[in-house]
C-alpha atoms as a PDB file:
ATOM      1  CA  MET A   1      -0.114   0.618  -0.202  1.00  0.00           C
ATOM      2  CA  LYS A   2       3.092   2.469   0.913  1.00  0.00           C
ATOM      3  CA  ARG A   3       4.769   1.715  -2.458  1.00  0.00           C
ATOM      4  CA  PHE A   4       1.679   2.369  -4.140  1.00  0.00           C
ATOM      5  CA  SER A   5       0.539   6.052  -2.559  1.00  0.00           C
ATOM      6  CA  SER A   6       4.094   6.416  -3.123  1.00  0.00           C
ATOM      7  CA  LEU A   7       3.746   5.977  -6.655  1.00  0.00           C
ATOM      8  CA  ILE A   8       0.924   7.909  -6.991  1.00  0.00           C
ATOM      9  CA  PHE A   9       3.315  10.749  -5.494  1.00  0.00           C
ATOM     10  CA  LYS A  10       5.428  10.467  -7.467  1.00  0.00           C
ATOM     11  CA  LEU A  11       2.525  10.570 -10.419  1.00  0.00           C
ATOM     12  CA  ALA A  12       1.287  13.804  -9.357  1.00  0.00           C
ATOM     13  CA  THR A  13       4.480  15.426  -9.005  1.00  0.00           C
ATOM     14  CA  GLY A  14       5.394  14.621 -12.813  1.00  0.00           C
ATOM     15  CA  VAL A  15       2.648  16.035 -13.778  1.00  0.00           C
ATOM     16  CA  VAL A  16       2.704  19.078 -12.346  1.00  0.00           C
ATOM     17  CA  VAL A  17       6.944  19.639 -13.430  1.00  0.00           C
ATOM     18  CA  LEU A  18       5.553  18.551 -16.796  1.00  0.00           C
ATOM     19  CA  TRP A  19       2.792  21.420 -16.361  1.00  0.00           C
ATOM     20  CA  LEU A  20       5.536  24.162 -14.978  1.00  0.00           C
ATOM     21  CA  LEU A  21       7.754  23.009 -18.065  1.00  0.00           C
ATOM     22  CA  GLY A  22       5.310  23.621 -20.453  1.00  0.00           C
ATOM     23  CA  GLN A  23       4.111  27.534 -18.910  1.00  0.00           C
ATOM     24  CA  PHE A  24       8.216  28.632 -18.646  1.00  0.00           C
ATOM     25  CA  VAL A  25       8.492  26.947 -22.111  1.00  0.00           C
ATOM     26  CA  SER A  26       5.414  27.962 -23.765  1.00  0.00           C
ATOM     27  CA  ASP A  27       5.104  27.104 -27.400  1.00  0.00           C
ATOM     28  CA  ARG A  28       9.051  27.717 -28.704  1.00  0.00           C
ATOM     29  CA  TRP A  29       8.786  24.142 -29.800  1.00  0.00           C
ATOM     30  CA  LEU A  30       5.855  21.642 -31.262  1.00  0.00           C
ATOM     31  CA  TRP A  31       6.605  19.296 -28.073  1.00  0.00           C
ATOM     32  CA  SER A  32       6.347  22.152 -26.125  1.00  0.00           C
ATOM     33  CA  GLN A  33       3.346  23.407 -27.413  1.00  0.00           C
ATOM     34  CA  TRP A  34       1.391  20.353 -26.275  1.00  0.00           C
ATOM     35  CA  LEU A  35       2.581  20.697 -22.384  1.00  0.00           C
ATOM     36  CA  PHE A  36       1.700  24.433 -22.924  1.00  0.00           C
ATOM     37  CA  TRP A  37      -1.328  23.863 -23.958  1.00  0.00           C
ATOM     38  CA  ILE A  38      -2.621  21.476 -20.762  1.00  0.00           C
ATOM     39  CA  PRO A  39      -5.582  23.436 -19.303  1.00  0.00           C
ATOM     40  CA  THR A  40      -4.629  24.417 -16.392  1.00  0.00           C
ATOM     41  CA  PHE A  41      -8.641  23.321 -14.751  1.00  0.00           C
ATOM     42  CA  ALA A  42      -7.137  19.905 -16.122  1.00  0.00           C
ATOM     43  CA  ILE A  43      -4.119  19.826 -13.365  1.00  0.00           C
ATOM     44  CA  LEU A  44      -6.661  20.936 -11.136  1.00  0.00           C
ATOM     45  CA  VAL A  45      -8.878  17.642 -11.183  1.00  0.00           C
ATOM     46  CA  PHE A  46      -6.470  15.801 -11.494  1.00  0.00           C
ATOM     47  CA  LEU A  47      -4.712  16.705  -8.207  1.00  0.00           C
ATOM     48  CA  LEU A  48      -7.398  16.681  -6.021  1.00  0.00           C
ATOM     49  CA  CYS A  49      -8.024  13.234  -7.704  1.00  0.00           C
ATOM     50  CA  THR A  50      -4.462  11.682  -6.276  1.00  0.00           C
ATOM     51  CA  THR A  51      -5.248  13.819  -3.265  1.00  0.00           C
ATOM     52  CA  ILE A  52      -8.291  12.294  -2.309  1.00  0.00           C
ATOM     53  CA  VAL A  53      -6.549   9.032  -3.222  1.00  0.00           C
ATOM     54  CA  LEU A  54      -3.727   9.738  -0.902  1.00  0.00           C
ATOM     55  CA  VAL A  55      -6.465  10.070   1.777  1.00  0.00           C
ATOM     56  CA  PHE A  56      -7.847   6.962   1.397  1.00  0.00           C
ATOM     57  CA  LEU A  57      -4.556   5.270   1.778  1.00  0.00           C
ATOM     58  CA  LYS A  58      -3.720   7.403   5.383  1.00  0.00           C
ATOM     59  CA  ASP A  59      -0.443   8.331   3.465  1.00  0.00           C
ATOM     60  CA  LYS A  60      -0.848  12.055   5.645  1.00  0.00           C
ATOM     61  CA  ARG A  61       2.183  13.547   4.437  1.00  0.00           C
ATOM     62  CA  ASN A  62       1.434  13.131   0.382  1.00  0.00           C
ATOM     63  CA  SER A  63      -1.665  14.412   1.327  1.00  0.00           C
ATOM     64  CA  ILE A  64      -0.858  17.137   2.640  1.00  0.00           C
ATOM     65  CA  VAL A  65       1.992  18.619   0.146  1.00  0.00           C
ATOM     66  CA  LEU A  66      -0.122  17.573  -2.721  1.00  0.00           C
ATOM     67  CA  GLY A  67      -3.976  19.405  -0.920  1.00  0.00           C
ATOM     68  CA  PHE A  68      -0.665  22.393  -0.728  1.00  0.00           C
ATOM     69  CA  VAL A  69      -0.162  22.275  -4.251  1.00  0.00           C
ATOM     70  CA  PHE A  70      -4.132  22.053  -4.981  1.00  0.00           C
ATOM     71  CA  ILE A  71      -4.367  25.304  -3.130  1.00  0.00           C
ATOM     72  CA  LEU A  72      -1.419  27.088  -4.446  1.00  0.00           C
ATOM     73  CA  PHE A  73      -3.217  25.674  -8.632  1.00  0.00           C
ATOM     74  CA  VAL A  74      -7.038  27.330  -7.668  1.00  0.00           C
ATOM     75  CA  GLY A  75      -5.466  30.623  -5.975  1.00  0.00           C
ATOM     76  CA  TRP A  76      -3.751  30.851  -9.691  1.00  0.00           C
ATOM     77  CA  PHE A  77      -6.398  29.752 -11.578  1.00  0.00           C
ATOM     78  CA  LEU A  78      -9.079  31.927  -9.930  1.00  0.00           C
ATOM     79  CA  PHE A  79      -6.287  34.861  -9.520  1.00  0.00           C
ATOM     80  CA  VAL A  80      -4.486  35.059 -12.090  1.00  0.00           C
ATOM     81  CA  GLU A  81      -5.689  33.160 -14.767  1.00  0.00           C
ATOM     82  CA  ASN A  82      -8.847  34.404 -14.620  1.00  0.00           C
ATOM     83  CA  ARG A  83     -10.104  37.018 -11.817  1.00  0.00           C
ATOM     84  CA  VAL A  84     -13.425  35.702 -10.646  1.00  0.00           C
ATOM     85  CA  PHE A  85     -14.163  38.109  -8.337  1.00  0.00           C
ATOM     86  CA  SER A  86     -13.878  41.106  -9.942  1.00  0.00           C
ATOM     87  CA  THR A  87     -16.033  43.191 -12.206  1.00  0.00           C
ATOM     88  CA  THR A  88     -16.273  46.087 -13.624  1.00  0.00           C
ATOM     89  CA  THR A  89     -18.681  49.449 -13.927  1.00  0.00           C
ATOM     90  CA  LYS A  90     -16.783  51.376 -16.835  1.00  0.00           C
ATOM     91  CA  HIS A  91     -17.376  52.366 -19.989  1.00  0.00           C
ATOM     92  CA  GLY A  92     -15.964  53.885 -22.532  1.00  0.00           C
ATOM     93  CA  ASP A  93     -17.386  55.694 -25.781  1.00  0.00           C
ATOM     94  CA  LEU A  94     -15.789  53.751 -28.327  1.00  0.00           C
ATOM     95  CA  ARG A  95     -17.392  50.239 -28.696  1.00  0.00           C
ATOM     96  CA  ILE A  96     -15.738  46.742 -30.261  1.00  0.00           C
ATOM     97  CA  LEU A  97     -17.239  43.495 -30.918  1.00  0.00           C
ATOM     98  CA  GLY A  98     -15.390  40.488 -31.829  1.00  0.00           C
ATOM     99  CA  TRP A  99     -16.983  37.512 -32.458  1.00  0.00           C
ATOM    100  CA  THR A 100     -15.414  34.000 -34.168  1.00  0.00           C
ATOM    101  CA  MET A 101     -18.811  32.379 -35.556  1.00  0.00           C
ATOM    102  CA  SER A 102     -17.545  28.723 -36.435  1.00  0.00           C
ATOM    103  CA  HIS A 103     -21.250  27.382 -36.378  1.00  0.00           C
ATOM    104  CA  SER A 104     -24.635  26.684 -37.761  1.00  0.00           C
ATOM    105  CA  LYS A 105     -25.321  30.111 -39.740  1.00  0.00           C
ATOM    106  CA  SER A 106     -28.384  28.590 -40.686  1.00  0.00           C
ATOM    107  CA  ARG A 107     -30.254  27.599 -38.230  1.00  0.00           C
ATOM    108  CA  LEU A 108     -29.419  30.186 -35.861  1.00  0.00           C
ATOM    109  CA  THR A 109     -28.631  33.293 -37.673  1.00  0.00           C
ATOM    110  CA  ALA A 110     -31.666  35.043 -36.744  1.00  0.00           C
ATOM    111  CA  ASP A 111     -30.509  34.371 -33.298  1.00  0.00           C
ATOM    112  CA  SER A 112     -26.969  35.214 -34.035  1.00  0.00           C
ATOM    113  CA  ALA A 113     -27.878  38.908 -35.765  1.00  0.00           C
ATOM    114  CA  ALA A 114     -30.565  39.597 -32.997  1.00  0.00           C
ATOM    115  CA  LEU A 115     -27.845  39.863 -30.218  1.00  0.00           C
ATOM    116  CA  ILE A 116     -25.078  41.644 -32.664  1.00  0.00           C
ATOM    117  CA  VAL A 117     -27.925  44.236 -32.649  1.00  0.00           C
ATOM    118  CA  GLU A 118     -28.062  43.949 -28.953  1.00  0.00           C
ATOM    119  CA  LEU A 119     -25.456  44.964 -27.996  1.00  0.00           C
ATOM    120  CA  ASN A 120     -25.245  47.645 -30.915  1.00  0.00           C
ATOM    121  CA  ALA A 121     -21.365  48.490 -30.817  1.00  0.00           C
ATOM    122  CA  ASP A 122     -19.661  50.990 -32.846  1.00  0.00           C
ATOM    123  CA  ILE A 123     -17.136  48.548 -34.535  1.00  0.00           C
ATOM    124  CA  SER A 124     -18.266  44.883 -34.934  1.00  0.00           C
ATOM    125  CA  LEU A 125     -16.122  42.125 -36.966  1.00  0.00           C
ATOM    126  CA  LEU A 126     -17.544  39.183 -37.339  1.00  0.00           C
ATOM    127  CA  THR A 127     -15.531  36.192 -38.927  1.00  0.00           C
ATOM    128  CA  HIS A 128     -17.072  33.758 -40.900  1.00  0.00           C
ATOM    129  CA  GLY A 129     -20.555  35.578 -40.289  1.00  0.00           C
ATOM    130  CA  TRP A 130     -21.165  35.513 -44.331  1.00  0.00           C
ATOM    131  CA  LYS A 131     -25.756  34.661 -43.884  1.00  0.00           C
ATOM    132  CA  VAL A 132     -25.897  37.185 -40.604  1.00  0.00           C
ATOM    133  CA  ARG A 133     -24.674  40.333 -42.306  1.00  0.00           C
ATOM    134  CA  GLY A 134     -27.818  40.133 -45.079  1.00  0.00           C
ATOM    135  CA  GLU A 135     -30.767  39.602 -41.900  1.00  0.00           C
ATOM    136  CA  PRO A 136     -33.121  42.105 -42.614  1.00  0.00           C
ATOM    137  CA  VAL A 137     -32.237  43.217 -38.086  1.00  0.00           C
ATOM    138  CA  ILE A 138     -28.843  43.838 -38.920  1.00  0.00           C
ATOM    139  CA  LYS A 139     -29.633  46.118 -42.370  1.00  0.00           C
ATOM    140  CA  GLU A 140     -32.469  48.083 -40.002  1.00  0.00           C
ATOM    141  CA  TRP A 141     -30.007  48.162 -36.824  1.00  0.00           C
ATOM    142  CA  GLN A 142     -27.557  49.872 -39.961  1.00  0.00           C
ATOM    143  CA  GLY A 143     -30.281  51.962 -41.069  1.00  0.00           C
ATOM    144  CA  LYS A 144     -28.718  54.122 -44.497  1.00  0.00           C
ATOM    145  CA  LYS A 145     -25.293  55.360 -42.307  1.00  0.00           C
ATOM    146  CA  GLY A 146     -24.094  51.907 -41.248  1.00  0.00           C
ATOM    147  CA  LYS A 147     -21.653  50.471 -43.289  1.00  0.00           C
ATOM    148  CA  ARG A 148     -20.520  46.658 -43.913  1.00  0.00           C
ATOM    149  CA  LEU A 149     -17.242  46.260 -45.445  1.00  0.00           C
ATOM    150  CA  VAL A 150     -16.595  42.213 -46.019  1.00  0.00           C
ATOM    151  CA  ASN A 151     -13.038  40.695 -46.595  1.00  0.00           C
ATOM    152  CA  GLY A 152     -12.302  37.949 -47.187  1.00  0.00           C
ATOM    153  CA  PRO A 153     -13.591  35.628 -44.306  1.00  0.00           C
ATOM    154  CA  PHE A 154     -14.349  39.318 -41.969  1.00  0.00           C
ATOM    155  CA  THR A 155     -17.294  41.426 -42.268  1.00  0.00           C
ATOM    156  CA  LEU A 156     -17.453  44.498 -39.931  1.00  0.00           C
ATOM    157  CA  PHE A 157     -20.359  46.831 -38.710  1.00  0.00           C
ATOM    158  CA  THR A 158     -19.912  50.095 -38.706  1.00  0.00           C
ATOM    159  CA  THR A 159     -21.398  53.775 -38.815  1.00  0.00           C
ATOM    160  CA  LEU A 160     -17.827  54.887 -38.398  1.00  0.00           C
ATOM    161  CA  ARG A 161     -16.342  56.337 -42.143  1.00  0.00           C
ATOM    162  CA  PRO A 162     -14.138  53.766 -43.566  1.00  0.00           C
ATOM    163  CA  LEU A 163     -10.755  54.553 -45.176  1.00  0.00           C
ATOM    164  CA  GLU A 164      -9.657  51.271 -46.366  1.00  0.00           C
ATOM    165  CA  VAL A 165     -10.134  47.854 -46.448  1.00  0.00           C
ATOM    166  CA  ARG A 166      -7.989  45.493 -47.833  1.00  0.00           C
ATOM    167  CA  THR A 167      -6.290  41.745 -48.093  1.00  0.00           C
ATOM    168  CA  LEU A 168      -3.131  41.243 -46.335  1.00  0.00           C
ATOM    169  CA  VAL A 169      -2.367  37.790 -45.976  1.00  0.00           C
ATOM    170  CA  ALA A 170      -4.823  34.917 -47.293  1.00  0.00           C
ATOM    171  CA  SER A 171      -2.433  31.865 -47.345  1.00  0.00           C
ATOM    172  CA  ASN A 172      -2.723  28.360 -46.170  1.00  0.00           C
ATOM    173  CA  GLY A 173      -5.342  28.815 -43.189  1.00  0.00           C
ATOM    174  CA  ILE A 174      -3.993  32.409 -42.666  1.00  0.00           C
ATOM    175  CA  TYR A 175      -6.296  35.218 -42.605  1.00  0.00           C
ATOM    176  CA  ILE A 176      -5.808  39.024 -42.214  1.00  0.00           C
ATOM    177  CA  SER A 177      -7.509  41.768 -43.514  1.00  0.00           C
ATOM    178  CA  LEU A 178      -6.845  45.279 -42.899  1.00  0.00           C
ATOM    179  CA  TYR A 179      -9.112  48.187 -41.753  1.00  0.00           C
ATOM    180  CA  LYS A 180      -8.278  51.556 -41.695  1.00  0.00           C
ATOM    181  CA  LEU A 181     -11.675  53.529 -39.868  1.00  0.00           C
ATOM    182  CA  ASP A 182     -11.882  57.347 -39.171  1.00  0.00           C
ATOM    183  CA  THR A 183     -11.951  57.977 -35.376  1.00  0.00           C
ATOM    184  CA  THR A 184     -10.792  60.933 -35.123  1.00  0.00           C
ATOM    185  CA  GLU A 185     -13.655  62.243 -33.457  1.00  0.00           C
ATOM    186  CA  GLN A 186     -14.058  59.482 -30.607  1.00  0.00           C
ATOM    187  CA  ILE A 187      -9.893  58.578 -30.488  1.00  0.00           C
ATOM    188  CA  GLY A 188      -8.434  61.512 -31.918  1.00  0.00           C
ATOM    189  CA  HIS A 189      -6.731  59.873 -34.524  1.00  0.00           C
ATOM    190  CA  GLU A 190      -7.021  57.056 -37.672  1.00  0.00           C
ATOM    191  CA  LEU A 191      -7.953  53.353 -35.737  1.00  0.00           C
ATOM    192  CA  VAL A 192      -6.239  50.615 -37.885  1.00  0.00           C
ATOM    193  CA  ILE A 193      -7.696  47.527 -36.942  1.00  0.00           C
ATOM    194  CA  PHE A 194      -6.231  43.954 -38.265  1.00  0.00           C
ATOM    195  CA  ALA A 195      -8.633  41.128 -38.577  1.00  0.00           C
ATOM    196  CA  VAL A 196      -6.722  37.695 -38.265  1.00  0.00           C
ATOM    197  CA  ASP A 197      -8.643  33.514 -38.264  1.00  0.00           C
ATOM    198  CA  LEU A 198      -4.906  31.515 -37.675  1.00  0.00           C
ATOM    199  CA  PRO A 199      -5.254  27.788 -38.002  1.00  0.00           C
ATOM    200  CA  ALA A 200      -7.283  25.415 -35.763  1.00  0.00           C
ATOM    201  CA  ASP A 201      -4.767  22.641 -36.401  1.00  0.00           C
ATOM    202  CA  TRP A 202      -3.935  22.002 -32.667  1.00  0.00           C
ATOM    203  CA  ARG A 203      -1.263  19.388 -34.646  1.00  0.00           C
ATOM    204  CA  LEU A 204       0.504  22.504 -36.673  1.00  0.00           C
ATOM    205  CA  SER A 205       3.540  24.231 -35.203  1.00  0.00           C
ATOM    206  CA  ARG A 206       2.282  27.807 -33.781  1.00  0.00           C
ATOM    207  CA  ARG A 207       5.695  29.354 -34.342  1.00  0.00           C
ATOM    208  CA  GLU A 208       6.220  28.416 -37.935  1.00  0.00           C
ATOM    209  CA  ILE A 209       2.564  29.799 -38.704  1.00  0.00           C
ATOM    210  CA  VAL A 210       3.571  32.805 -36.688  1.00  0.00           C
ATOM    211  CA  ARG A 211       6.814  33.150 -38.718  1.00  0.00           C
ATOM    212  CA  ARG A 212       4.790  32.313 -42.165  1.00  0.00           C
ATOM    213  CA  ALA A 213       2.265  34.905 -40.746  1.00  0.00           C
ATOM    214  CA  LYS A 214       5.257  37.755 -40.853  1.00  0.00           C
ATOM    215  CA  LYS A 215       6.646  37.062 -43.179  1.00  0.00           C
ATOM    216  CA  LEU A 216       3.428  37.659 -45.894  1.00  0.00           C
ATOM    217  CA  LEU A 217       2.788  40.903 -43.810  1.00  0.00           C
ATOM    218  CA  ARG A 218       6.287  41.755 -44.729  1.00  0.00           C
ATOM    219  CA  GLN A 219       5.946  41.299 -48.208  1.00  0.00           C
ATOM    220  CA  ALA A 220       2.108  43.183 -48.078  1.00  0.00           C
ATOM    221  CA  ASP A 221       4.151  46.328 -46.378  1.00  0.00           C
ATOM    222  CA  ALA A 222       1.624  46.491 -43.715  1.00  0.00           C
ATOM    223  CA  PRO A 223       1.135  49.034 -41.504  1.00  0.00           C
ATOM    224  CA  GLU A 224       1.482  48.794 -37.376  1.00  0.00           C
ATOM    225  CA  PRO A 225      -2.049  47.798 -36.759  1.00  0.00           C
ATOM    226  CA  ASP A 226      -3.568  49.942 -33.401  1.00  0.00           C
ATOM    227  CA  LEU A 227      -6.055  46.404 -32.424  1.00  0.00           C
ATOM    228  CA  VAL A 228      -5.424  43.031 -33.550  1.00  0.00           C
ATOM    229  CA  ILE A 229      -8.885  41.165 -33.240  1.00  0.00           C
ATOM    230  CA  GLY A 230      -9.456  37.871 -34.218  1.00  0.00           C
ATOM    231  CA  ASP A 231      -9.558  33.605 -33.401  1.00  0.00           C
ATOM    232  CA  PHE A 232      -5.780  33.008 -33.020  1.00  0.00           C
ATOM    233  CA  ASN A 233      -6.064  29.303 -32.111  1.00  0.00           C
ATOM    234  CA  MET A 234      -2.712  30.640 -29.578  1.00  0.00           C
ATOM    235  CA  THR A 235      -3.623  30.793 -26.303  1.00  0.00           C
ATOM    236  CA  LYS A 236      -2.532  33.876 -24.080  1.00  0.00           C
ATOM    237  CA  ASN A 237       0.930  33.923 -22.541  1.00  0.00           C
ATOM    238  CA  SER A 238       2.037  32.052 -25.604  1.00  0.00           C
ATOM    239  CA  ASN A 239       5.332  32.875 -26.746  1.00  0.00           C
ATOM    240  CA  SER A 240       4.510  32.659 -30.497  1.00  0.00           C
ATOM    241  CA  LEU A 241       1.601  35.038 -29.585  1.00  0.00           C
ATOM    242  CA  HIS A 242       3.808  37.715 -28.270  1.00  0.00           C
ATOM    243  CA  ARG A 243       6.511  36.556 -31.379  1.00  0.00           C
ATOM    244  CA  PHE A 244       3.789  37.714 -33.218  1.00  0.00           C
ATOM    245  CA  PHE A 245       2.740  41.391 -32.195  1.00  0.00           C
ATOM    246  CA  PRO A 246       6.034  41.977 -29.793  1.00  0.00           C
ATOM    247  CA  ASN A 247       4.426  45.660 -28.700  1.00  0.00           C
ATOM    248  CA  MET A 248       1.159  44.958 -27.832  1.00  0.00           C
ATOM    249  CA  LYS A 249      -1.413  44.177 -24.778  1.00  0.00           C
ATOM    250  CA  ASP A 250      -3.819  41.946 -24.493  1.00  0.00           C
ATOM    251  CA  GLY A 251      -7.212  43.831 -23.618  1.00  0.00           C
ATOM    252  CA  TRP A 252      -8.018  40.838 -20.996  1.00  0.00           C
ATOM    253  CA  ASP A 253      -4.948  41.603 -19.127  1.00  0.00           C
ATOM    254  CA  LYS A 254      -5.176  45.212 -19.060  1.00  0.00           C
ATOM    255  CA  ALA A 255      -8.986  45.385 -18.192  1.00  0.00           C
ATOM    256  CA  GLY A 256     -10.804  42.540 -18.393  1.00  0.00           C
ATOM    257  CA  ALA A 257     -12.621  41.352 -15.104  1.00  0.00           C
ATOM    258  CA  GLY A 258     -14.488  37.618 -14.584  1.00  0.00           C
ATOM    259  CA  TRP A 259     -13.357  34.792 -16.652  1.00  0.00           C
ATOM    260  CA  SER A 260     -10.647  34.874 -19.873  1.00  0.00           C
ATOM    261  CA  TYR A 261     -11.460  31.837 -21.438  1.00  0.00           C
ATOM    262  CA  THR A 262     -13.021  32.177 -24.852  1.00  0.00           C
ATOM    263  CA  TYR A 263     -13.541  28.663 -26.400  1.00  0.00           C
ATOM    264  CA  HIS A 264     -14.999  26.085 -26.260  1.00  0.00           C
ATOM    265  CA  ARG A 265     -18.097  28.721 -24.709  1.00  0.00           C
ATOM    266  CA  ALA A 266     -20.197  25.545 -23.670  1.00  0.00           C
ATOM    267  CA  PHE A 267     -17.348  24.689 -20.874  1.00  0.00           C
ATOM    268  CA  PRO A 268     -14.042  27.058 -21.531  1.00  0.00           C
ATOM    269  CA  LEU A 269     -10.906  26.059 -20.630  1.00  0.00           C
ATOM    270  CA  PHE A 270      -8.592  27.841 -23.219  1.00  0.00           C
ATOM    271  CA  GLN A 271      -7.606  31.747 -24.204  1.00  0.00           C
ATOM    272  CA  ILE A 272      -7.555  32.017 -28.122  1.00  0.00           C
ATOM    273  CA  ASP A 273      -9.363  35.017 -29.160  1.00  0.00           C
ATOM    274  CA  HIS A 274      -7.652  37.606 -28.880  1.00  0.00           C
ATOM    275  CA  MET A 275      -7.769  41.623 -28.865  1.00  0.00           C
ATOM    276  CA  LEU A 276      -4.914  43.286 -28.817  1.00  0.00           C
ATOM    277  CA  LEU A 277      -4.187  46.994 -28.038  1.00  0.00           C
ATOM    278  CA  ASN A 278      -0.861  48.920 -28.414  1.00  0.00           C
ATOM    279  CA  LYS A 279       0.423  51.291 -26.333  1.00  0.00           C
ATOM    280  CA  ASP A 280      -1.756  54.738 -27.684  1.00  0.00           C
ATOM    281  CA  LEU A 281      -5.584  52.860 -26.904  1.00  0.00           C
ATOM    282  CA  HIS A 282      -6.876  53.055 -23.491  1.00  0.00           C
ATOM    283  CA  PRO A 283      -9.590  50.681 -22.900  1.00  0.00           C
ATOM    284  CA  ALA A 284     -12.475  51.044 -19.971  1.00  0.00           C
ATOM    285  CA  MET A 285     -13.494  47.709 -19.916  1.00  0.00           C
ATOM    286  CA  TYR A 286     -12.988  44.321 -21.694  1.00  0.00           C
ATOM    287  CA  GLU A 287     -15.075  41.419 -21.471  1.00  0.00           C
ATOM    288  CA  LEU A 288     -16.809  38.421 -22.749  1.00  0.00           C
ATOM    289  CA  ILE A 289     -20.290  37.480 -23.233  1.00  0.00           C
ATOM    290  CA  ASP A 290     -21.759  33.968 -23.383  1.00  0.00           C
ATOM    291  CA  PRO A 291     -23.932  34.161 -26.669  1.00  0.00           C
ATOM    292  CA  GLN A 292     -25.293  31.264 -25.933  1.00  0.00           C
ATOM    293  CA  ILE A 293     -24.540  30.333 -29.501  1.00  0.00           C
ATOM    294  CA  GLY A 294     -21.600  28.556 -31.104  1.00  0.00           C
ATOM    295  CA  ARG A 295     -18.367  26.651 -29.953  1.00  0.00           C
ATOM    296  CA  HIS A 296     -16.557  31.050 -29.479  1.00  0.00           C
ATOM    297  CA  ASN A 297     -17.728  33.414 -26.441  1.00  0.00           C
ATOM    298  CA  ILE A 298     -18.033  37.058 -27.303  1.00  0.00           C
ATOM    299  CA  GLN A 299     -15.642  39.633 -26.675  1.00  0.00           C
ATOM    300  CA  LEU A 300     -15.950  43.088 -26.030  1.00  0.00           C
ATOM    301  CA  LEU A 301     -13.827  46.065 -25.969  1.00  0.00           C
ATOM    302  CA  GLU A 302     -14.575  49.505 -24.664  1.00  0.00           C
ATOM    303  CA  LEU A 303     -11.995  52.671 -25.418  1.00  0.00           C
ATOM    304  CA  ASP A 304     -12.057  55.636 -23.311  1.00  0.00           C
ATOM    305  CA  SER A 305     -11.686  58.377 -25.599  1.00  0.00           C
ATOM    306  CA  LYS A 306     -11.466  60.698 -23.071  1.00  0.00           C
ATOM    307  CA  ASP A 307      -8.026  59.688 -22.014  1.00  0.00           C
ATOM    308  CA  LEU A 308      -7.079  58.738 -25.960  1.00  0.00           C
ATOM    309  CA  VAL A 309      -7.887  62.801 -26.693  1.00  0.00           C
ATOM    310  CA  ASN A 310      -5.686  64.158 -23.391  1.00  0.00           C
ATOM    311  CA  ASP A 311      -2.712  61.807 -24.749  1.00  0.00           C
ATOM    312  CA  ILE A 312      -2.653  63.660 -28.147  1.00  0.00           C
END
């Protein structure tokens, strides 16, 4: 019995060490990204189960050690990866929505459109929202001043004046489009948005995807973005994501409250959808909305134009 409890303890210790190694090394290599993608929640469940087993085996010393490690991981999960007890009442003056719509458009088009109208963002960026953009409720919501800007797999709704829309990258599952909008009245300068959709195949190296994407962006002579929105299929603190846009910060890091995970909506374990901001943008709030539809949560960002104008 003692040998079995020792084996359980060593197994638990090994799993924790592998998780920590994945967090430290991140997705620099294909082998390490598999470790990096291990959800913290899975480690919590594993630690809880092994601790309970050790308690039943009456291994007091090892069960106390694992119990302590479990408490540390709970704290990390609740207060670092997420901010479950924090809320915000702040509101900005420019409201931006991002939604990866990887769900059936035929059955859920009307519901999806109604939710977009209800959230009523100044800028609504949809990935794979082709059927939704034709809904009558969307046309009514936009009115005569509304613009529907379609490029690649992206659709952007706005009442702001578009200055430029073009494809930057469309190659082997990598899609990046540029939207430049006249937001001078709102934030004191034009807003350059990159819409991003990267391959979802977890067998692909994230580092290699970023290398190819950066090379293609250089060939497109792309300007520096103010805001990058989309489904990166890379989690927060990803080394590859940092290499992609090294001078930008995640909207959730700067102004997020509550849960940070965007996927899968029904039981979210990963933050793979992001809004990245440059240093000149000041978010008043960032939150995730459960649409009760599809696989991705909706990202909602509000920028404080007062701070932005004062900084110019």
